[in-house]
Amino acid sequence: MALVITSPCIGEKSAECVEVCPVDCIEEGEDMFFIDPDICIECNACETACPVGAIYVEDEVPAEEQEFIEMNRKFFEE
């Protein structure tokens, strides 16, 4: 399981999460950042650093943000 970035990141992309990630698992997409679940070690540094509260542990993603779990997975399939 990994962390997932959700809708508050869209258009924000402030990158504090990227700066604190010890394993460089966060990649920039067109409108937001994504976390590579194969690299993420769930240290939660990005969740703490996110100024807009967009990052959740996968099991805790709010119901209205569930689509971002699949969006994240698809981003890394390409």
N, C-alpha and C. Protein backbone atom coordinates (compact mmCIF):
# COMPACT_ATOMS: atom_id res chain seq x y z
N MET A 1 0.84 -1.18 0.00
CA MET A 1 0.00 0.00 0.00
C MET A 1 0.88 1.24 0.00
N ALA A 2 0.38 2.28 -0.61
CA ALA A 2 1.16 3.52 -0.70
C ALA A 2 0.27 4.70 -0.33
N LEU A 3 0.83 5.85 -0.46
CA LEU A 3 0.08 7.07 -0.26
C LEU A 3 -0.45 7.54 -1.61
N VAL A 4 -1.54 8.29 -1.57
CA VAL A 4 -2.20 8.75 -2.79
C VAL A 4 -2.42 10.26 -2.70
N ILE A 5 -2.12 10.95 -3.78
CA ILE A 5 -2.36 12.40 -3.85
C ILE A 5 -3.73 12.62 -4.50
N THR A 6 -4.53 13.49 -3.91
CA THR A 6 -5.91 13.70 -4.35
C THR A 6 -6.13 15.10 -4.90
N SER A 7 -7.38 15.44 -5.15
CA SER A 7 -7.77 16.65 -5.88
C SER A 7 -7.22 17.99 -5.39
N PRO A 8 -6.99 18.20 -4.10
CA PRO A 8 -6.44 19.51 -3.72
C PRO A 8 -5.11 19.85 -4.39
N CYS A 9 -4.41 18.83 -4.90
CA CYS A 9 -3.13 19.06 -5.57
C CYS A 9 -3.31 19.61 -6.99
N ILE A 10 -4.46 19.36 -7.59
CA ILE A 10 -4.66 19.78 -8.98
C ILE A 10 -4.47 21.29 -9.10
N GLY A 11 -3.53 21.66 -9.94
CA GLY A 11 -3.23 23.07 -10.16
C GLY A 11 -2.36 23.70 -9.09
N GLU A 12 -2.21 23.05 -7.96
CA GLU A 12 -1.42 23.59 -6.85
C GLU A 12 0.07 23.29 -7.06
N LYS A 13 0.39 22.02 -7.08
CA LYS A 13 1.74 21.54 -7.31
C LYS A 13 2.81 22.37 -6.62
N SER A 14 2.68 22.56 -5.33
CA SER A 14 3.65 23.37 -4.60
C SER A 14 4.97 22.65 -4.36
N ALA A 15 4.99 21.34 -4.47
CA ALA A 15 6.20 20.50 -4.47
C ALA A 15 6.90 20.31 -3.13
N GLU A 16 6.31 20.73 -2.04
CA GLU A 16 6.92 20.44 -0.74
C GLU A 16 7.04 18.93 -0.55
N CYS A 17 6.07 18.19 -1.06
CA CYS A 17 6.09 16.73 -0.94
C CYS A 17 7.30 16.13 -1.65
N VAL A 18 7.61 16.64 -2.81
CA VAL A 18 8.74 16.14 -3.60
C VAL A 18 10.04 16.39 -2.84
N GLU A 19 10.14 17.56 -2.25
CA GLU A 19 11.37 17.94 -1.55
C GLU A 19 11.66 17.06 -0.34
N VAL A 20 10.63 16.58 0.35
CA VAL A 20 10.85 15.81 1.58
C VAL A 20 10.88 14.30 1.36
N CYS A 21 10.52 13.82 0.19
CA CYS A 21 10.46 12.38 -0.06
C CYS A 21 11.87 11.78 -0.06
N PRO A 22 12.14 10.84 0.86
CA PRO A 22 13.48 10.26 0.93
C PRO A 22 13.80 9.24 -0.17
N VAL A 23 12.79 8.78 -0.88
CA VAL A 23 13.02 7.76 -1.91
C VAL A 23 12.67 8.25 -3.32
N ASP A 24 12.39 9.51 -3.47
CA ASP A 24 12.08 10.12 -4.78
C ASP A 24 10.99 9.36 -5.54
N CYS A 25 9.88 9.09 -4.86
CA CYS A 25 8.80 8.33 -5.50
C CYS A 25 7.68 9.21 -6.05
N ILE A 26 7.83 10.53 -5.94
CA ILE A 26 6.78 11.44 -6.39
C ILE A 26 7.16 12.03 -7.74
N GLU A 27 6.27 11.85 -8.70
CA GLU A 27 6.52 12.35 -10.05
C GLU A 27 5.47 13.39 -10.44
N GLU A 28 5.89 14.33 -11.24
CA GLU A 28 5.00 15.40 -11.68
C GLU A 28 4.22 14.97 -12.92
N GLY A 29 2.91 15.12 -12.83
CA GLY A 29 2.04 14.90 -13.97
C GLY A 29 1.66 16.25 -14.58
N GLU A 30 0.75 16.24 -15.50
CA GLU A 30 0.36 17.48 -16.17
C GLU A 30 -0.25 18.50 -15.21
N ASP A 31 -1.16 18.05 -14.34
CA ASP A 31 -1.88 18.97 -13.45
C ASP A 31 -1.58 18.76 -11.98
N MET A 32 -0.92 17.66 -11.63
CA MET A 32 -0.69 17.34 -10.23
C MET A 32 0.47 16.35 -10.10
N PHE A 33 0.82 16.02 -8.87
CA PHE A 33 1.86 15.03 -8.60
C PHE A 33 1.24 13.66 -8.35
N PHE A 34 2.04 12.61 -8.54
CA PHE A 34 1.61 11.24 -8.31
C PHE A 34 2.70 10.51 -7.54
N ILE A 35 2.29 9.53 -6.71
CA ILE A 35 3.22 8.76 -5.90
C ILE A 35 3.34 7.35 -6.47
N ASP A 36 4.56 6.94 -6.78
CA ASP A 36 4.80 5.60 -7.33
C ASP A 36 4.65 4.59 -6.20
N PRO A 37 3.61 3.74 -6.26
CA PRO A 37 3.37 2.79 -5.17
C PRO A 37 4.44 1.71 -5.05
N ASP A 38 5.21 1.48 -6.09
CA ASP A 38 6.26 0.48 -6.04
C ASP A 38 7.52 0.99 -5.34
N ILE A 39 7.63 2.30 -5.21
CA ILE A 39 8.81 2.89 -4.58
C ILE A 39 8.49 3.46 -3.20
N CYS A 40 7.28 3.92 -2.99
CA CYS A 40 6.86 4.54 -1.73
C CYS A 40 7.10 3.61 -0.55
N ILE A 41 7.70 4.16 0.52
CA ILE A 41 7.96 3.38 1.73
C ILE A 41 7.00 3.77 2.86
N GLU A 42 6.01 4.57 2.55
CA GLU A 42 4.99 5.02 3.51
C GLU A 42 5.60 5.67 4.75
N CYS A 43 6.55 6.53 4.55
CA CYS A 43 7.15 7.24 5.68
C CYS A 43 6.28 8.41 6.13
N ASN A 44 5.34 8.80 5.29
CA ASN A 44 4.38 9.88 5.56
C ASN A 44 4.99 11.27 5.59
N ALA A 45 6.23 11.41 5.16
CA ALA A 45 6.85 12.74 5.13
C ALA A 45 6.10 13.65 4.18
N CYS A 46 5.67 13.12 3.04
CA CYS A 46 4.95 13.94 2.06
C CYS A 46 3.59 14.38 2.59
N GLU A 47 2.91 13.47 3.29
CA GLU A 47 1.59 13.78 3.86
C GLU A 47 1.70 14.94 4.84
N THR A 48 2.72 14.91 5.65
CA THR A 48 2.94 15.97 6.64
C THR A 48 3.32 17.29 5.98
N ALA A 49 4.08 17.23 4.90
CA ALA A 49 4.57 18.43 4.23
C ALA A 49 3.55 19.09 3.31
N CYS A 50 2.54 18.36 2.87
CA CYS A 50 1.58 18.88 1.90
C CYS A 50 0.79 20.06 2.47
N PRO A 51 0.93 21.25 1.87
CA PRO A 51 0.26 22.43 2.40
C PRO A 51 -1.25 22.47 2.14
N VAL A 52 -1.74 21.59 1.26
CA VAL A 52 -3.17 21.61 0.94
C VAL A 52 -3.89 20.34 1.42
N GLY A 53 -3.21 19.47 2.15
CA GLY A 53 -3.84 18.27 2.70
C GLY A 53 -4.35 17.31 1.64
N ALA A 54 -3.59 17.14 0.57
CA ALA A 54 -4.02 16.31 -0.56
C ALA A 54 -3.57 14.86 -0.49
N ILE A 55 -2.73 14.51 0.49
CA ILE A 55 -2.12 13.19 0.50
C ILE A 55 -2.70 12.32 1.63
N TYR A 56 -3.09 11.09 1.24
CA TYR A 56 -3.68 10.15 2.18
C TYR A 56 -3.05 8.77 2.01
N VAL A 57 -3.05 7.99 3.09
CA VAL A 57 -2.75 6.57 2.98
C VAL A 57 -3.90 5.99 2.17
N GLU A 58 -3.62 5.06 1.28
CA GLU A 58 -4.63 4.54 0.35
C GLU A 58 -5.93 4.11 1.04
N ASP A 59 -5.85 3.45 2.19
CA ASP A 59 -7.06 2.99 2.91
C ASP A 59 -7.88 4.14 3.47
N GLU A 60 -7.28 5.32 3.56
CA GLU A 60 -7.95 6.45 4.20
C GLU A 60 -8.39 7.53 3.22
N VAL A 61 -8.28 7.27 1.93
CA VAL A 61 -8.71 8.25 0.92
C VAL A 61 -10.23 8.42 1.07
N PRO A 62 -10.70 9.67 1.22
CA PRO A 62 -12.14 9.89 1.38
C PRO A 62 -12.93 9.35 0.19
N ALA A 63 -14.17 8.98 0.45
CA ALA A 63 -15.03 8.38 -0.58
C ALA A 63 -15.09 9.23 -1.84
N GLU A 64 -15.19 10.54 -1.68
CA GLU A 64 -15.31 11.43 -2.84
C GLU A 64 -14.00 11.58 -3.61
N GLU A 65 -12.91 11.03 -3.09
CA GLU A 65 -11.59 11.12 -3.73
C GLU A 65 -11.09 9.76 -4.23
N GLN A 66 -11.90 8.72 -4.14
CA GLN A 66 -11.49 7.36 -4.49
C GLN A 66 -10.95 7.24 -5.92
N GLU A 67 -11.45 8.03 -6.84
CA GLU A 67 -11.00 7.95 -8.23
C GLU A 67 -9.50 8.21 -8.37
N PHE A 68 -8.93 8.91 -7.40
CA PHE A 68 -7.51 9.24 -7.48
C PHE A 68 -6.61 8.04 -7.22
N ILE A 69 -7.13 7.02 -6.56
CA ILE A 69 -6.37 5.78 -6.38
C ILE A 69 -6.11 5.16 -7.75
N GLU A 70 -7.15 5.06 -8.55
CA GLU A 70 -7.02 4.49 -9.90
C GLU A 70 -6.21 5.40 -10.82
N MET A 71 -6.41 6.71 -10.71
CA MET A 71 -5.64 7.65 -11.54
C MET A 71 -4.15 7.49 -11.25
N ASN A 72 -3.80 7.34 -9.98
CA ASN A 72 -2.41 7.16 -9.59
C ASN A 72 -1.84 5.88 -10.19
N ARG A 73 -2.60 4.80 -10.07
CA ARG A 73 -2.15 3.51 -10.60
C ARG A 73 -1.91 3.60 -12.11
N LYS A 74 -2.86 4.21 -12.82
CA LYS A 74 -2.75 4.33 -14.28
C LYS A 74 -1.57 5.21 -14.70
N PHE A 75 -1.28 6.24 -13.93
CA PHE A 75 -0.15 7.13 -14.24
C PHE A 75 1.14 6.33 -14.35
N PHE A 76 1.32 5.35 -13.48
CA PHE A 76 2.56 4.57 -13.47
C PHE A 76 2.53 3.34 -14.35
N GLU A 77 1.41 3.06 -15.00
CA GLU A 77 1.35 1.96 -15.97
C GLU A 77 1.96 2.35 -17.29
N GLU A 78 2.01 3.62 -17.57
CA GLU A 78 2.49 4.09 -18.87
C GLU A 78 3.97 4.04 -19.01
